[in-house]
Amino acid sequence: MKRAAITLDGQLEAALEAYRKRLDAPPTLTSVVQTALREYLARRGFAPPSKPFHITPAKKGSGKRDVSLRHDDYLARE
């Protein structure tokens, strides 16, 4: 992994901090910069686009109605 130092002008720094303050769990500066750089390069064809996250729902009638409430119990059993 390569380390880099960056300089942000006042306007960019203010926008970044406003974004981070709005979130309940703000991401680190590193993760924001890495995500922005990935998106920038992907849009220009220099990096693969990020893959969308897909959840496959259970078949209707899976028999479990309380998984959303007791998910930790189910995972602990596995």
PDB file of N, CA and C in Angstrom:
ATOM      1  N   MET A   1       0.843  -1.176   0.000  1.00  0.00           N
ATOM      2  CA  MET A   1       0.000   0.000   0.000  1.00  0.00           C
ATOM      3  C   MET A   1       0.885   1.234   0.000  1.00  0.00           C
ATOM      4  N   LYS A   2       0.516   2.189  -0.814  1.00  0.00           N
ATOM      5  CA  LYS A   2       1.284   3.415  -0.928  1.00  0.00           C
ATOM      6  C   LYS A   2       0.692   4.485  -0.019  1.00  0.00           C
ATOM      7  N   ARG A   3       1.546   5.202   0.675  1.00  0.00           N
ATOM      8  CA  ARG A   3       1.112   6.325   1.503  1.00  0.00           C
ATOM      9  C   ARG A   3       1.290   7.604   0.709  1.00  0.00           C
ATOM     10  N   ALA A   4       0.382   8.558   0.942  1.00  0.00           N
ATOM     11  CA  ALA A   4       0.476   9.838   0.239  1.00  0.00           C
ATOM     12  C   ALA A   4      -0.024  10.944   1.163  1.00  0.00           C
ATOM     13  N   ALA A   5       0.567  12.094   1.032  1.00  0.00           N
ATOM     14  CA  ALA A   5       0.103  13.271   1.765  1.00  0.00           C
ATOM     15  C   ALA A   5      -0.659  14.147   0.781  1.00  0.00           C
ATOM     16  N   ILE A   6      -1.816  14.652   1.202  1.00  0.00           N
ATOM     17  CA  ILE A   6      -2.595  15.521   0.325  1.00  0.00           C
ATOM     18  C   ILE A   6      -2.879  16.830   1.044  1.00  0.00           C
ATOM     19  N   THR A   7      -3.119  17.846   0.270  1.00  0.00           N
ATOM     20  CA  THR A   7      -3.482  19.152   0.802  1.00  0.00           C
ATOM     21  C   THR A   7      -4.870  19.497   0.307  1.00  0.00           C
ATOM     22  N   LEU A   8      -5.742  19.880   1.224  1.00  0.00           N
ATOM     23  CA  LEU A   8      -7.105  20.264   0.871  1.00  0.00           C
ATOM     24  C   LEU A   8      -7.253  21.758   1.062  1.00  0.00           C
ATOM     25  N   ASP A   9      -7.859  22.423   0.074  1.00  0.00           N
ATOM     26  CA  ASP A   9      -8.121  23.847   0.271  1.00  0.00           C
ATOM     27  C   ASP A   9      -9.272  23.990   1.265  1.00  0.00           C
ATOM     28  N   GLY A  10      -9.490  25.180   1.753  1.00  0.00           N
ATOM     29  CA  GLY A  10     -10.490  25.424   2.783  1.00  0.00           C
ATOM     30  C   GLY A  10     -11.894  25.010   2.380  1.00  0.00           C
ATOM     31  N   GLN A  11     -12.267  25.272   1.132  1.00  0.00           N
ATOM     32  CA  GLN A  11     -13.611  24.933   0.668  1.00  0.00           C
ATOM     33  C   GLN A  11     -13.823  23.417   0.622  1.00  0.00           C
ATOM     34  N   LEU A  12     -12.841  22.696   0.130  1.00  0.00           N
ATOM     35  CA  LEU A  12     -12.935  21.238   0.065  1.00  0.00           C
ATOM     36  C   LEU A  12     -12.928  20.633   1.463  1.00  0.00           C
ATOM     37  N   GLU A  13     -12.110  21.162   2.337  1.00  0.00           N
ATOM     38  CA  GLU A  13     -12.068  20.671   3.713  1.00  0.00           C
ATOM     39  C   GLU A  13     -13.403  20.893   4.421  1.00  0.00           C
ATOM     40  N   ALA A  14     -14.003  22.057   4.222  1.00  0.00           N
ATOM     41  CA  ALA A  14     -15.296  22.354   4.847  1.00  0.00           C
ATOM     42  C   ALA A  14     -16.387  21.418   4.324  1.00  0.00           C
ATOM     43  N   ALA A  15     -16.386  21.160   3.028  1.00  0.00           N
ATOM     44  CA  ALA A  15     -17.382  20.253   2.446  1.00  0.00           C
ATOM     45  C   ALA A  15     -17.197  18.842   2.994  1.00  0.00           C
ATOM     46  N   LEU A  16     -15.964  18.404   3.104  1.00  0.00           N
ATOM     47  CA  LEU A  16     -15.669  17.075   3.629  1.00  0.00           C
ATOM     48  C   LEU A  16     -16.121  16.942   5.082  1.00  0.00           C
ATOM     49  N   GLU A  17     -15.825  17.928   5.887  1.00  0.00           N
ATOM     50  CA  GLU A  17     -16.214  17.870   7.291  1.00  0.00           C
ATOM     51  C   GLU A  17     -17.730  17.967   7.458  1.00  0.00           C
ATOM     52  N   ALA A  18     -18.395  18.759   6.615  1.00  0.00           N
ATOM     53  CA  ALA A  18     -19.860  18.834   6.673  1.00  0.00           C
ATOM     54  C   ALA A  18     -20.466  17.473   6.345  1.00  0.00           C
ATOM     55  N   TYR A  19     -19.919  16.800   5.359  1.00  0.00           N
ATOM     56  CA  TYR A  19     -20.378  15.467   4.983  1.00  0.00           C
ATOM     57  C   TYR A  19     -20.185  14.497   6.148  1.00  0.00           C
ATOM     58  N   ARG A  20     -19.009  14.475   6.725  1.00  0.00           N
ATOM     59  CA  ARG A  20     -18.708  13.536   7.804  1.00  0.00           C
ATOM     60  C   ARG A  20     -19.544  13.802   9.052  1.00  0.00           C
ATOM     61  N   LYS A  21     -19.832  15.073   9.356  1.00  0.00           N
ATOM     62  CA  LYS A  21     -20.615  15.410  10.548  1.00  0.00           C
ATOM     63  C   LYS A  21     -22.072  14.981  10.435  1.00  0.00           C
ATOM     64  N   ARG A  22     -22.580  14.844   9.212  1.00  0.00           N
ATOM     65  CA  ARG A  22     -23.969  14.425   9.010  1.00  0.00           C
ATOM     66  C   ARG A  22     -24.197  12.948   9.290  1.00  0.00           C
ATOM     67  N   LEU A  23     -23.138  12.177   9.299  1.00  0.00           N
ATOM     68  CA  LEU A  23     -23.261  10.733   9.444  1.00  0.00           C
ATOM     69  C   LEU A  23     -23.170  10.310  10.902  1.00  0.00           C
ATOM     70  N   ASP A  24     -23.953   9.297  11.256  1.00  0.00           N
ATOM     71  CA  ASP A  24     -23.895   8.765  12.620  1.00  0.00           C
ATOM     72  C   ASP A  24     -22.546   8.109  12.901  1.00  0.00           C
ATOM     73  N   ALA A  25     -21.998   7.433  11.911  1.00  0.00           N
ATOM     74  CA  ALA A  25     -20.688   6.799  12.037  1.00  0.00           C
ATOM     75  C   ALA A  25     -19.827   7.278  10.874  1.00  0.00           C
ATOM     76  N   PRO A  26     -19.192   8.441  11.029  1.00  0.00           N
ATOM     77  CA  PRO A  26     -18.439   9.001   9.907  1.00  0.00           C
ATOM     78  C   PRO A  26     -17.248   8.138   9.515  1.00  0.00           C
ATOM     79  N   PRO A  27     -17.015   8.006   8.193  1.00  0.00           N
ATOM     80  CA  PRO A  27     -15.857   7.236   7.729  1.00  0.00           C
ATOM     81  C   PRO A  27     -14.574   8.021   7.973  1.00  0.00           C
ATOM     82  N   THR A  28     -13.472   7.315   7.949  1.00  0.00           N
ATOM     83  CA  THR A  28     -12.180   7.975   8.109  1.00  0.00           C
ATOM     84  C   THR A  28     -11.870   8.797   6.854  1.00  0.00           C
ATOM     85  N   LEU A  29     -10.984   9.747   7.004  1.00  0.00           N
ATOM     86  CA  LEU A  29     -10.548  10.548   5.858  1.00  0.00           C
ATOM     87  C   LEU A  29      -9.954   9.622   4.794  1.00  0.00           C
ATOM     88  N   THR A  30      -9.184   8.633   5.218  1.00  0.00           N
ATOM     89  CA  THR A  30      -8.574   7.693   4.279  1.00  0.00           C
ATOM     90  C   THR A  30      -9.631   6.979   3.447  1.00  0.00           C
ATOM     91  N   SER A  31     -10.687   6.467   4.089  1.00  0.00           N
ATOM     92  CA  SER A  31     -11.696   5.731   3.337  1.00  0.00           C
ATOM     93  C   SER A  31     -12.468   6.636   2.392  1.00  0.00           C
ATOM     94  N   VAL A  32     -12.722   7.880   2.782  1.00  0.00           N
ATOM     95  CA  VAL A  32     -13.414   8.818   1.895  1.00  0.00           C
ATOM     96  C   VAL A  32     -12.557   9.102   0.666  1.00  0.00           C
ATOM     97  N   VAL A  33     -11.279   9.358   0.866  1.00  0.00           N
ATOM     98  CA  VAL A  33     -10.374   9.667  -0.249  1.00  0.00           C
ATOM     99  C   VAL A  33     -10.213   8.452  -1.157  1.00  0.00           C
ATOM    100  N   GLN A  34     -10.060   7.255  -0.583  1.00  0.00           N
ATOM    101  CA  GLN A  34      -9.914   6.051  -1.400  1.00  0.00           C
ATOM    102  C   GLN A  34     -11.173   5.787  -2.228  1.00  0.00           C
ATOM    103  N   THR A  35     -12.342   5.952  -1.627  1.00  0.00           N
ATOM    104  CA  THR A  35     -13.601   5.746  -2.349  1.00  0.00           C
ATOM    105  C   THR A  35     -13.747   6.756  -3.474  1.00  0.00           C
ATOM    106  N   ALA A  36     -13.452   8.011  -3.191  1.00  0.00           N
ATOM    107  CA  ALA A  36     -13.557   9.058  -4.211  1.00  0.00           C
ATOM    108  C   ALA A  36     -12.587   8.799  -5.363  1.00  0.00           C
ATOM    109  N   LEU A  37     -11.383   8.370  -5.052  1.00  0.00           N
ATOM    110  CA  LEU A  37     -10.385   8.103  -6.083  1.00  0.00           C
ATOM    111  C   LEU A  37     -10.779   6.889  -6.929  1.00  0.00           C
ATOM    112  N   ARG A  38     -11.305   5.849  -6.282  1.00  0.00           N
ATOM    113  CA  ARG A  38     -11.777   4.680  -7.038  1.00  0.00           C
ATOM    114  C   ARG A  38     -12.876   5.069  -8.022  1.00  0.00           C
ATOM    115  N   GLU A  39     -13.858   5.838  -7.540  1.00  0.00           N
ATOM    116  CA  GLU A  39     -14.954   6.263  -8.409  1.00  0.00           C
ATOM    117  C   GLU A  39     -14.442   7.147  -9.554  1.00  0.00           C
ATOM    118  N   TYR A  40     -13.555   8.050  -9.257  1.00  0.00           N
ATOM    119  CA  TYR A  40     -12.987   8.942 -10.266  1.00  0.00           C
ATOM    120  C   TYR A  40     -12.283   8.142 -11.360  1.00  0.00           C
ATOM    121  N   LEU A  41     -11.436   7.182 -10.954  1.00  0.00           N
ATOM    122  CA  LEU A  41     -10.695   6.384 -11.929  1.00  0.00           C
ATOM    123  C   LEU A  41     -11.611   5.423 -12.693  1.00  0.00           C
ATOM    124  N   ALA A  42     -12.611   4.864 -12.024  1.00  0.00           N
ATOM    125  CA  ALA A  42     -13.545   3.956 -12.701  1.00  0.00           C
ATOM    126  C   ALA A  42     -14.338   4.694 -13.776  1.00  0.00           C
ATOM    127  N   ARG A  43     -14.744   5.912 -13.500  1.00  0.00           N
ATOM    128  CA  ARG A  43     -15.510   6.689 -14.487  1.00  0.00           C
ATOM    129  C   ARG A  43     -14.676   7.022 -15.722  1.00  0.00           C
ATOM    130  N   ARG A  44     -13.378   7.023 -15.562  1.00  0.00           N
ATOM    131  CA  ARG A  44     -12.499   7.334 -16.687  1.00  0.00           C
ATOM    132  C   ARG A  44     -11.888   6.088 -17.314  1.00  0.00           C
ATOM    133  N   GLY A  45     -12.334   4.909 -16.851  1.00  0.00           N
ATOM    134  CA  GLY A  45     -11.893   3.658 -17.454  1.00  0.00           C
ATOM    135  C   GLY A  45     -10.556   3.134 -16.977  1.00  0.00           C
ATOM    136  N   PHE A  46     -10.046   3.635 -15.853  1.00  0.00           N
ATOM    137  CA  PHE A  46      -8.736   3.200 -15.359  1.00  0.00           C
ATOM    138  C   PHE A  46      -8.825   2.259 -14.170  1.00  0.00           C
ATOM    139  N   ALA A  47     -10.016   1.957 -13.717  1.00  0.00           N
ATOM    140  CA  ALA A  47     -10.203   1.031 -12.603  1.00  0.00           C
ATOM    141  C   ALA A  47     -11.542   0.341 -12.810  1.00  0.00           C
ATOM    142  N   PRO A  48     -11.648  -0.890 -12.358  1.00  0.00           N
ATOM    143  CA  PRO A  48     -12.933  -1.575 -12.526  1.00  0.00           C
ATOM    144  C   PRO A  48     -14.005  -0.903 -11.667  1.00  0.00           C
ATOM    145  N   PRO A  49     -15.224  -0.830 -12.171  1.00  0.00           N
ATOM    146  CA  PRO A  49     -16.298  -0.234 -11.356  1.00  0.00           C
ATOM    147  C   PRO A  49     -16.591  -1.125 -10.159  1.00  0.00           C
ATOM    148  N   SER A  50     -17.051  -0.513  -9.088  1.00  0.00           N
ATOM    149  CA  SER A  50     -17.385  -1.308  -7.908  1.00  0.00           C
ATOM    150  C   SER A  50     -18.614  -2.157  -8.208  1.00  0.00           C
ATOM    151  N   LYS A  51     -18.633  -3.336  -7.637  1.00  0.00           N
ATOM    152  CA  LYS A  51     -19.735  -4.253  -7.872  1.00  0.00           C
ATOM    153  C   LYS A  51     -20.887  -3.895  -6.938  1.00  0.00           C
ATOM    154  N   PRO A  52     -22.106  -3.878  -7.459  1.00  0.00           N
ATOM    155  CA  PRO A  52     -23.238  -3.578  -6.584  1.00  0.00           C
ATOM    156  C   PRO A  52     -23.466  -4.707  -5.577  1.00  0.00           C
ATOM    157  N   PHE A  53     -23.977  -4.354  -4.432  1.00  0.00           N
ATOM    158  CA  PHE A  53     -24.255  -5.310  -3.376  1.00  0.00           C
ATOM    159  C   PHE A  53     -25.650  -5.883  -3.586  1.00  0.00           C
ATOM    160  N   HIS A  54     -25.741  -7.202  -3.677  1.00  0.00           N
ATOM    161  CA  HIS A  54     -27.027  -7.857  -3.887  1.00  0.00           C
ATOM    162  C   HIS A  54     -27.305  -8.828  -2.744  1.00  0.00           C
ATOM    163  N   ILE A  55     -28.509  -8.790  -2.251  1.00  0.00           N
ATOM    164  CA  ILE A  55     -28.948  -9.739  -1.232  1.00  0.00           C
ATOM    165  C   ILE A  55     -29.988 -10.638  -1.877  1.00  0.00           C
ATOM    166  N   THR A  56     -29.790 -11.934  -1.729  1.00  0.00           N
ATOM    167  CA  THR A  56     -30.759 -12.882  -2.259  1.00  0.00           C
ATOM    168  C   THR A  56     -31.735 -13.237  -1.143  1.00  0.00           C
ATOM    169  N   PRO A  57     -32.985 -12.858  -1.284  1.00  0.00           N
ATOM    170  CA  PRO A  57     -33.948 -13.152  -0.219  1.00  0.00           C
ATOM    171  C   PRO A  57     -34.247 -14.644  -0.133  1.00  0.00           C
ATOM    172  N   ALA A  58     -34.645 -15.070   1.049  1.00  0.00           N
ATOM    173  CA  ALA A  58     -35.027 -16.469   1.238  1.00  0.00           C
ATOM    174  C   ALA A  58     -36.304 -16.748   0.468  1.00  0.00           C
ATOM    175  N   LYS A  59     -36.478 -18.017   0.119  1.00  0.00           N
ATOM    176  CA  LYS A  59     -37.697 -18.403  -0.567  1.00  0.00           C
ATOM    177  C   LYS A  59     -38.881 -18.168   0.358  1.00  0.00           C
ATOM    178  N   LYS A  60     -39.990 -17.830  -0.228  1.00  0.00           N
ATOM    179  CA  LYS A  60     -41.189 -17.603   0.565  1.00  0.00           C
ATOM    180  C   LYS A  60     -41.518 -18.884   1.319  1.00  0.00           C
ATOM    181  N   GLY A  61     -41.826 -18.732   2.584  1.00  0.00           N
ATOM    182  CA  GLY A  61     -42.147 -19.893   3.395  1.00  0.00           C
ATOM    183  C   GLY A  61     -40.916 -20.581   3.955  1.00  0.00           C
ATOM    184  N   SER A  62     -39.826 -19.833   4.194  1.00  0.00           N
ATOM    185  CA  SER A  62     -38.612 -20.451   4.710  1.00  0.00           C
ATOM    186  C   SER A  62     -38.809 -20.985   6.125  1.00  0.00           C
ATOM    187  N   GLY A  63     -39.891 -20.582   6.786  1.00  0.00           N
ATOM    188  CA  GLY A  63     -40.200 -21.092   8.113  1.00  0.00           C
ATOM    189  C   GLY A  63     -39.677 -20.244   9.254  1.00  0.00           C
ATOM    190  N   LYS A  64     -38.878 -19.259   8.978  1.00  0.00           N
ATOM    191  CA  LYS A  64     -38.322 -18.409  10.030  1.00  0.00           C
ATOM    192  C   LYS A  64     -38.951 -17.025   9.928  1.00  0.00           C
ATOM    193  N   ARG A  65     -39.680 -16.622  10.953  1.00  0.00           N
ATOM    194  CA  ARG A  65     -40.338 -15.317  10.923  1.00  0.00           C
ATOM    195  C   ARG A  65     -39.643 -14.288  11.816  1.00  0.00           C
ATOM    196  N   ASP A  66     -38.699 -14.727  12.623  1.00  0.00           N
ATOM    197  CA  ASP A  66     -38.085 -13.825  13.591  1.00  0.00           C
ATOM    198  C   ASP A  66     -36.596 -13.561  13.324  1.00  0.00           C
ATOM    199  N   VAL A  67     -36.134 -13.859  12.143  1.00  0.00           N
ATOM    200  CA  VAL A  67     -34.703 -13.714  11.855  1.00  0.00           C
ATOM    201  C   VAL A  67     -34.248 -12.264  11.998  1.00  0.00           C
ATOM    202  N   SER A  68     -35.076 -11.321  11.586  1.00  0.00           N
ATOM    203  CA  SER A  68     -34.657  -9.919  11.689  1.00  0.00           C
ATOM    204  C   SER A  68     -34.492  -9.489  13.141  1.00  0.00           C
ATOM    205  N   LEU A  69     -35.170 -10.150  14.048  1.00  0.00           N
ATOM    206  CA  LEU A  69     -35.054  -9.816  15.467  1.00  0.00           C
ATOM    207  C   LEU A  69     -33.997 -10.658  16.174  1.00  0.00           C
ATOM    208  N   ARG A  70     -33.845 -11.923  15.767  1.00  0.00           N
ATOM    209  CA  ARG A  70     -32.964 -12.849  16.476  1.00  0.00           C
ATOM    210  C   ARG A  70     -31.782 -13.302  15.627  1.00  0.00           C
ATOM    211  N   HIS A  71     -31.318 -12.461  14.710  1.00  0.00           N
ATOM    212  CA  HIS A  71     -30.242 -12.854  13.801  1.00  0.00           C
ATOM    213  C   HIS A  71     -28.982 -13.290  14.529  1.00  0.00           C
ATOM    214  N   ASP A  72     -28.648 -12.633  15.651  1.00  0.00           N
ATOM    215  CA  ASP A  72     -27.443 -13.026  16.396  1.00  0.00           C
ATOM    216  C   ASP A  72     -27.564 -14.445  16.931  1.00  0.00           C
ATOM    217  N   ASP A  73     -28.747 -14.814  17.407  1.00  0.00           N
ATOM    218  CA  ASP A  73     -28.949 -16.175  17.914  1.00  0.00           C
ATOM    219  C   ASP A  73     -28.752 -17.195  16.795  1.00  0.00           C
ATOM    220  N   TYR A  74     -29.294 -16.907  15.627  1.00  0.00           N
ATOM    221  CA  TYR A  74     -29.157 -17.840  14.499  1.00  0.00           C
ATOM    222  C   TYR A  74     -27.689 -17.955  14.062  1.00  0.00           C
ATOM    223  N   LEU A  75     -26.975 -16.841  14.025  1.00  0.00           N
ATOM    224  CA  LEU A  75     -25.568 -16.889  13.618  1.00  0.00           C
ATOM    225  C   LEU A  75     -24.718 -17.607  14.648  1.00  0.00           C
ATOM    226  N   ALA A  76     -25.044 -17.464  15.925  1.00  0.00           N
ATOM    227  CA  ALA A  76     -24.279 -18.126  16.974  1.00  0.00           C
ATOM    228  C   ALA A  76     -24.383 -19.637  16.877  1.00  0.00           C
ATOM    229  N   ARG A  77     -25.498 -20.118  16.372  1.00  0.00           N
ATOM    230  CA  ARG A  77     -25.711 -21.562  16.228  1.00  0.00           C
ATOM    231  C   ARG A  77     -24.866 -22.156  15.110  1.00  0.00           C
ATOM    232  N   GLU A  78     -24.488 -21.340  14.126  1.00  0.00           N
ATOM    233  CA  GLU A  78     -23.754 -21.841  12.963  1.00  0.00           C
ATOM    234  C   GLU A  78     -22.310 -22.057  13.255  1.00  0.00           C
TER     235      GLU A  78
END
